[in-house]
Every structure is written in C-alpha cells, then in structure tokens.
Amino acid sequence: MKIKNLIETKLQSLQPQFLEVINESHMHNVATGSESHFKVTIVSDQFNGKMLITRHRMVNKALADELAHSIHALVLHTMTTEEWLEKSGTLSQSPPCLGGAHASMAAHPRRNPVM
C-alpha cells in the first residue's frame, strides 16, 4: 500500500470531517516517485479545546510507524470544524524547498563524505 493511502487510512481514527493528504516529495531533492514529504490538512472535532501541539501529537501518534520508517517531512494543518469554516477552507502553500542536505553538500564540497 502506498504511504499516502496508509496516512489516509490511519487518520480515519481521528474521525475527520475533512482530510487531504498531498505528497509533496516532488518539490524536494528526492527520487522520482518518492513518498517521503507530505502535507496533511485534517479537520476534526476531536481537536476541539486542544492546543496545536496536542493536535500534532495526536496525528503523530496515529502515524508513528510511518514517521519512524517512511516519512521524512510532514506539514500539518490541524483544525476544528469552526476554525476550518473561519478560513473558508483555504490554506497557504508550503514553503519552497531550500535543497536540504544535498544542496548544502554541493555548496560545501569539503562536507561531502569520503567514499
């Protein structure tokens, strides 16, 4: 099963009113077809009265295995139904990739490991 599908399946435990999982791996310095960078927008009444850090921990707990083994980066937008409606169901775009480790290694060749 694809990582995106696993994320969608596992986050059903939070009973989302809205769930969107976007594979943003293509925006990063990874192989074509990779599933390592995701943006998740989840709207759930289970987030009512909870601080942002608690909401993120709830998502991280549901995705613990994937975070330990498959997911390199996870952007989270966790909202209650009321918050989602206040935003009219819109979000800002993810920031552009700055190149990560591969770019810094190219810019600083002395940091490249000796093979």
N, C-alpha and C. Protein backbone atom coordinates (compact mmCIF):
# COMPACT_ATOMS: atom_id res chain seq x y z
N MET A 1 0.84 -1.18 0.00
CA MET A 1 0.00 0.00 0.00
C MET A 1 0.89 1.24 0.00
N LYS A 2 0.49 2.23 -0.75
CA LYS A 2 1.24 3.48 -0.81
C LYS A 2 1.17 4.20 0.53
N ILE A 3 2.22 4.96 0.83
CA ILE A 3 2.30 5.70 2.09
C ILE A 3 1.13 6.67 2.21
N LYS A 4 0.80 7.35 1.12
CA LYS A 4 -0.32 8.30 1.13
C LYS A 4 -1.60 7.60 1.57
N ASN A 5 -1.86 6.42 1.04
CA ASN A 5 -3.06 5.67 1.42
C ASN A 5 -3.02 5.23 2.88
N LEU A 6 -1.83 4.84 3.37
CA LEU A 6 -1.69 4.47 4.78
C LEU A 6 -2.00 5.65 5.68
N ILE A 7 -1.51 6.82 5.31
CA ILE A 7 -1.78 8.03 6.09
C ILE A 7 -3.29 8.29 6.14
N GLU A 8 -3.92 8.23 4.99
CA GLU A 8 -5.37 8.48 4.94
C GLU A 8 -6.13 7.46 5.79
N THR A 9 -5.75 6.21 5.70
CA THR A 9 -6.42 5.16 6.47
C THR A 9 -6.22 5.35 7.96
N LYS A 10 -5.00 5.59 8.38
CA LYS A 10 -4.71 5.70 9.81
C LYS A 10 -5.33 6.95 10.43
N LEU A 11 -5.44 8.02 9.67
CA LEU A 11 -6.01 9.24 10.23
C LEU A 11 -7.54 9.19 10.34
N GLN A 12 -8.15 8.15 9.80
CA GLN A 12 -9.59 7.97 9.99
C GLN A 12 -9.92 7.78 11.48
N SER A 13 -8.92 7.34 12.25
CA SER A 13 -9.12 7.17 13.70
C SER A 13 -9.47 8.49 14.39
N LEU A 14 -9.16 9.61 13.76
CA LEU A 14 -9.47 10.93 14.32
C LEU A 14 -10.82 11.45 13.82
N GLN A 15 -11.55 10.62 13.11
CA GLN A 15 -12.89 10.94 12.61
C GLN A 15 -12.94 12.31 11.92
N PRO A 16 -12.15 12.49 10.87
CA PRO A 16 -12.09 13.80 10.22
C PRO A 16 -13.37 14.15 9.46
N GLN A 17 -13.74 15.42 9.52
CA GLN A 17 -14.80 15.94 8.67
C GLN A 17 -14.22 16.26 7.30
N PHE A 18 -12.92 16.55 7.28
CA PHE A 18 -12.19 16.82 6.04
C PHE A 18 -10.78 16.29 6.22
N LEU A 19 -10.26 15.63 5.20
CA LEU A 19 -8.90 15.12 5.24
C LEU A 19 -8.31 15.21 3.84
N GLU A 20 -7.17 15.85 3.74
CA GLU A 20 -6.45 15.93 2.48
C GLU A 20 -4.99 15.59 2.75
N VAL A 21 -4.48 14.63 2.01
CA VAL A 21 -3.08 14.23 2.12
C VAL A 21 -2.44 14.46 0.76
N ILE A 22 -1.43 15.32 0.74
CA ILE A 22 -0.75 15.66 -0.52
C ILE A 22 0.70 15.22 -0.43
N ASN A 23 1.13 14.44 -1.40
CA ASN A 23 2.52 14.04 -1.50
C ASN A 23 3.29 15.19 -2.14
N GLU A 24 4.14 15.85 -1.36
CA GLU A 24 4.94 16.97 -1.86
C GLU A 24 6.39 16.57 -2.13
N SER A 25 6.64 15.30 -2.22
CA SER A 25 8.01 14.82 -2.41
C SER A 25 8.64 15.38 -3.69
N HIS A 26 7.83 15.57 -4.72
CA HIS A 26 8.35 16.09 -5.99
C HIS A 26 8.95 17.49 -5.84
N MET A 27 8.62 18.19 -4.76
CA MET A 27 9.14 19.54 -4.52
C MET A 27 10.51 19.52 -3.84
N HIS A 28 11.04 18.33 -3.59
CA HIS A 28 12.27 18.18 -2.84
C HIS A 28 13.28 17.38 -3.64
N ASN A 29 14.47 17.32 -3.14
CA ASN A 29 15.57 16.65 -3.83
C ASN A 29 15.54 15.15 -3.52
N VAL A 30 14.52 14.47 -4.08
CA VAL A 30 14.36 13.03 -3.87
C VAL A 30 14.11 12.37 -5.21
N ALA A 31 14.21 11.07 -5.24
CA ALA A 31 13.99 10.32 -6.48
C ALA A 31 12.54 10.46 -6.95
N THR A 32 12.35 10.43 -8.26
CA THR A 32 11.02 10.47 -8.84
C THR A 32 10.18 9.33 -8.28
N GLY A 33 8.95 9.66 -7.92
CA GLY A 33 8.04 8.65 -7.37
C GLY A 33 8.16 8.44 -5.87
N SER A 34 9.03 9.20 -5.23
CA SER A 34 9.22 9.06 -3.78
C SER A 34 7.96 9.45 -3.02
N GLU A 35 7.80 8.87 -1.85
CA GLU A 35 6.73 9.23 -0.92
C GLU A 35 7.38 9.48 0.43
N SER A 36 7.94 10.67 0.57
CA SER A 36 8.68 10.99 1.79
C SER A 36 8.29 12.32 2.42
N HIS A 37 7.67 13.21 1.65
CA HIS A 37 7.30 14.54 2.12
C HIS A 37 5.80 14.72 1.89
N PHE A 38 5.06 15.00 2.97
CA PHE A 38 3.61 15.11 2.85
C PHE A 38 3.09 16.35 3.55
N LYS A 39 1.97 16.84 3.03
CA LYS A 39 1.21 17.90 3.69
C LYS A 39 -0.16 17.31 4.01
N VAL A 40 -0.56 17.40 5.28
CA VAL A 40 -1.84 16.86 5.73
C VAL A 40 -2.69 18.00 6.27
N THR A 41 -3.88 18.11 5.74
CA THR A 41 -4.89 19.00 6.29
C THR A 41 -5.97 18.11 6.86
N ILE A 42 -6.21 18.26 8.15
CA ILE A 42 -7.22 17.44 8.81
C ILE A 42 -8.09 18.31 9.69
N VAL A 43 -9.40 18.16 9.50
CA VAL A 43 -10.40 18.90 10.28
C VAL A 43 -11.16 17.86 11.09
N SER A 44 -11.12 18.02 12.40
CA SER A 44 -11.77 17.04 13.28
C SER A 44 -12.27 17.71 14.55
N ASP A 45 -13.45 17.32 14.96
CA ASP A 45 -13.97 17.83 16.22
C ASP A 45 -13.22 17.23 17.41
N GLN A 46 -12.42 16.21 17.19
CA GLN A 46 -11.58 15.68 18.27
C GLN A 46 -10.50 16.70 18.67
N PHE A 47 -10.29 17.72 17.85
CA PHE A 47 -9.33 18.77 18.17
C PHE A 47 -9.93 19.89 19.02
N ASN A 48 -11.24 19.87 19.21
CA ASN A 48 -11.91 20.92 19.99
C ASN A 48 -11.27 21.05 21.37
N GLY A 49 -10.91 22.29 21.74
CA GLY A 49 -10.36 22.57 23.06
C GLY A 49 -8.92 22.13 23.25
N LYS A 50 -8.27 21.65 22.19
CA LYS A 50 -6.89 21.16 22.31
C LYS A 50 -5.92 22.16 21.68
N MET A 51 -4.78 22.33 22.34
CA MET A 51 -3.72 23.19 21.81
C MET A 51 -3.13 22.56 20.55
N LEU A 52 -2.51 23.39 19.74
CA LEU A 52 -1.92 22.94 18.48
C LEU A 52 -0.94 21.79 18.69
N ILE A 53 -0.08 21.89 19.69
CA ILE A 53 0.91 20.83 19.94
C ILE A 53 0.22 19.50 20.26
N THR A 54 -0.88 19.55 20.98
CA THR A 54 -1.63 18.33 21.31
C THR A 54 -2.24 17.73 20.06
N ARG A 55 -2.76 18.56 19.18
CA ARG A 55 -3.32 18.08 17.91
C ARG A 55 -2.24 17.38 17.08
N HIS A 56 -1.08 18.02 17.00
CA HIS A 56 0.01 17.43 16.22
C HIS A 56 0.46 16.11 16.83
N ARG A 57 0.49 16.05 18.14
CA ARG A 57 0.86 14.80 18.80
C ARG A 57 -0.17 13.70 18.50
N MET A 58 -1.43 14.05 18.40
CA MET A 58 -2.46 13.07 18.06
C MET A 58 -2.22 12.49 16.67
N VAL A 59 -1.89 13.36 15.73
CA VAL A 59 -1.59 12.91 14.36
C VAL A 59 -0.31 12.08 14.35
N ASN A 60 0.72 12.58 15.04
CA ASN A 60 1.99 11.85 15.09
C ASN A 60 1.83 10.47 15.70
N LYS A 61 0.98 10.35 16.71
CA LYS A 61 0.74 9.05 17.33
C LYS A 61 0.08 8.10 16.34
N ALA A 62 -0.89 8.60 15.59
CA ALA A 62 -1.58 7.76 14.60
C ALA A 62 -0.63 7.30 13.50
N LEU A 63 0.39 8.13 13.21
CA LEU A 63 1.33 7.84 12.11
C LEU A 63 2.72 7.45 12.63
N ALA A 64 2.81 6.96 13.84
CA ALA A 64 4.11 6.69 14.47
C ALA A 64 5.00 5.78 13.63
N ASP A 65 4.46 4.71 13.10
CA ASP A 65 5.28 3.77 12.31
C ASP A 65 5.78 4.42 11.02
N GLU A 66 4.91 5.15 10.35
CA GLU A 66 5.31 5.81 9.10
C GLU A 66 6.35 6.90 9.37
N LEU A 67 6.20 7.64 10.46
CA LEU A 67 7.17 8.67 10.81
C LEU A 67 8.53 8.06 11.15
N ALA A 68 8.51 6.88 11.73
CA ALA A 68 9.76 6.21 12.11
C ALA A 68 10.47 5.59 10.91
N HIS A 69 9.71 5.21 9.87
CA HIS A 69 10.32 4.43 8.80
C HIS A 69 10.18 5.00 7.39
N SER A 70 9.18 5.81 7.12
CA SER A 70 8.91 6.20 5.74
C SER A 70 8.86 7.70 5.49
N ILE A 71 8.27 8.43 6.40
CA ILE A 71 8.04 9.87 6.19
C ILE A 71 9.24 10.66 6.68
N HIS A 72 9.76 11.50 5.80
CA HIS A 72 10.90 12.37 6.16
C HIS A 72 10.39 13.72 6.67
N ALA A 73 9.33 14.24 6.04
CA ALA A 73 8.80 15.55 6.42
C ALA A 73 7.28 15.52 6.37
N LEU A 74 6.67 16.16 7.37
CA LEU A 74 5.21 16.17 7.46
C LEU A 74 4.76 17.56 7.87
N VAL A 75 4.04 18.23 6.97
CA VAL A 75 3.45 19.53 7.26
C VAL A 75 2.03 19.26 7.72
N LEU A 76 1.66 19.80 8.88
CA LEU A 76 0.34 19.55 9.44
C LEU A 76 -0.48 20.82 9.55
N HIS A 77 -1.72 20.73 9.10
CA HIS A 77 -2.72 21.76 9.32
C HIS A 77 -3.86 21.05 10.04
N THR A 78 -3.96 21.26 11.34
CA THR A 78 -4.95 20.57 12.17
C THR A 78 -5.96 21.60 12.68
N MET A 79 -7.22 21.40 12.33
CA MET A 79 -8.24 22.39 12.68
C MET A 79 -9.52 21.74 13.17
N THR A 80 -10.25 22.51 13.96
CA THR A 80 -11.61 22.13 14.30
C THR A 80 -12.50 22.55 13.13
N THR A 81 -13.72 22.07 13.14
CA THR A 81 -14.66 22.45 12.08
C THR A 81 -14.86 23.96 12.06
N GLU A 82 -14.98 24.55 13.24
CA GLU A 82 -15.17 26.00 13.33
C GLU A 82 -13.99 26.77 12.74
N GLU A 83 -12.77 26.35 13.06
CA GLU A 83 -11.57 27.00 12.51
C GLU A 83 -11.52 26.87 11.00
N TRP A 84 -11.87 25.70 10.50
CA TRP A 84 -11.86 25.45 9.05
C TRP A 84 -12.84 26.38 8.35
N LEU A 85 -14.03 26.53 8.93
CA LEU A 85 -15.04 27.40 8.32
C LEU A 85 -14.61 28.87 8.36
N GLU A 86 -13.91 29.27 9.44
CA GLU A 86 -13.41 30.64 9.54
C GLU A 86 -12.40 30.94 8.44
N LYS A 87 -11.63 29.93 8.03
CA LYS A 87 -10.64 30.08 6.97
C LYS A 87 -11.26 29.88 5.59
N SER A 88 -12.53 29.61 5.55
CA SER A 88 -13.25 29.33 4.30
C SER A 88 -12.64 28.16 3.55
N GLY A 89 -12.03 27.24 4.28
CA GLY A 89 -11.47 26.04 3.67
C GLY A 89 -10.26 26.29 2.81
N THR A 90 -9.48 27.35 3.12
CA THR A 90 -8.28 27.64 2.33
C THR A 90 -7.05 27.68 3.24
N LEU A 91 -5.90 27.34 2.66
CA LEU A 91 -4.63 27.34 3.39
C LEU A 91 -3.54 27.97 2.54
N SER A 92 -2.47 28.36 3.19
CA SER A 92 -1.32 28.86 2.45
C SER A 92 -0.55 27.70 1.84
N GLN A 93 0.27 28.00 0.85
CA GLN A 93 1.09 26.99 0.20
C GLN A 93 2.27 26.62 1.09
N SER A 94 2.80 25.42 0.91
CA SER A 94 4.00 25.01 1.63
C SER A 94 5.18 25.84 1.14
N PRO A 95 6.16 26.10 2.00
CA PRO A 95 7.31 26.89 1.57
C PRO A 95 8.14 26.10 0.57
N PRO A 96 8.89 26.80 -0.30
CA PRO A 96 9.73 26.10 -1.27
C PRO A 96 10.87 25.36 -0.58
N CYS A 97 11.30 24.30 -1.19
CA CYS A 97 12.42 23.52 -0.66
C CYS A 97 13.71 24.30 -0.88
N LEU A 98 14.55 24.31 0.13
CA LEU A 98 15.83 25.00 0.02
C LEU A 98 16.96 24.05 -0.36
N GLY A 99 16.62 22.82 -0.66
CA GLY A 99 17.63 21.89 -1.15
C GLY A 99 18.07 20.85 -0.17
N GLY A 100 17.86 21.06 1.10
CA GLY A 100 18.23 20.06 2.10
C GLY A 100 19.69 19.72 2.11
N ALA A 101 20.01 18.54 2.56
CA ALA A 101 21.40 18.11 2.74
C ALA A 101 22.16 18.05 1.42
N HIS A 102 21.49 17.63 0.34
CA HIS A 102 22.19 17.52 -0.93
C HIS A 102 22.69 18.87 -1.42
N ALA A 103 21.87 19.92 -1.26
CA ALA A 103 22.27 21.25 -1.71
C ALA A 103 23.42 21.78 -0.87
N SER A 104 23.36 21.58 0.45
CA SER A 104 24.43 22.10 1.30
C SER A 104 25.73 21.35 1.04
N MET A 105 25.65 20.08 0.70
CA MET A 105 26.86 19.31 0.41
C MET A 105 27.49 19.80 -0.91
N ALA A 106 26.65 20.15 -1.88
CA ALA A 106 27.18 20.65 -3.14
C ALA A 106 27.81 22.02 -2.95
N ALA A 107 27.22 22.84 -2.10
CA ALA A 107 27.75 24.17 -1.85
C ALA A 107 29.01 24.12 -1.01
N HIS A 108 29.16 23.06 -0.23
CA HIS A 108 30.31 22.91 0.66
C HIS A 108 30.94 21.54 0.43
N PRO A 109 31.70 21.39 -0.65
CA PRO A 109 32.21 20.07 -1.01
C PRO A 109 33.08 19.42 0.06
N ARG A 110 33.69 20.21 0.94
CA ARG A 110 34.51 19.62 2.00
C ARG A 110 33.66 18.80 2.97
N ARG A 111 32.36 19.07 2.99
CA ARG A 111 31.46 18.32 3.87
C ARG A 111 31.06 16.99 3.27
N ASN A 112 31.32 16.80 1.98
CA ASN A 112 30.95 15.53 1.34
C ASN A 112 31.72 14.39 1.99
N PRO A 113 31.03 13.32 2.32
CA PRO A 113 31.73 12.19 2.92
C PRO A 113 32.69 11.53 1.93
N VAL A 114 33.76 11.00 2.45
CA VAL A 114 34.72 10.29 1.61
C VAL A 114 34.19 8.89 1.37
N MET A 115 34.17 8.51 0.13
CA MET A 115 33.62 7.18 -0.21
C MET A 115 34.74 6.18 -0.29
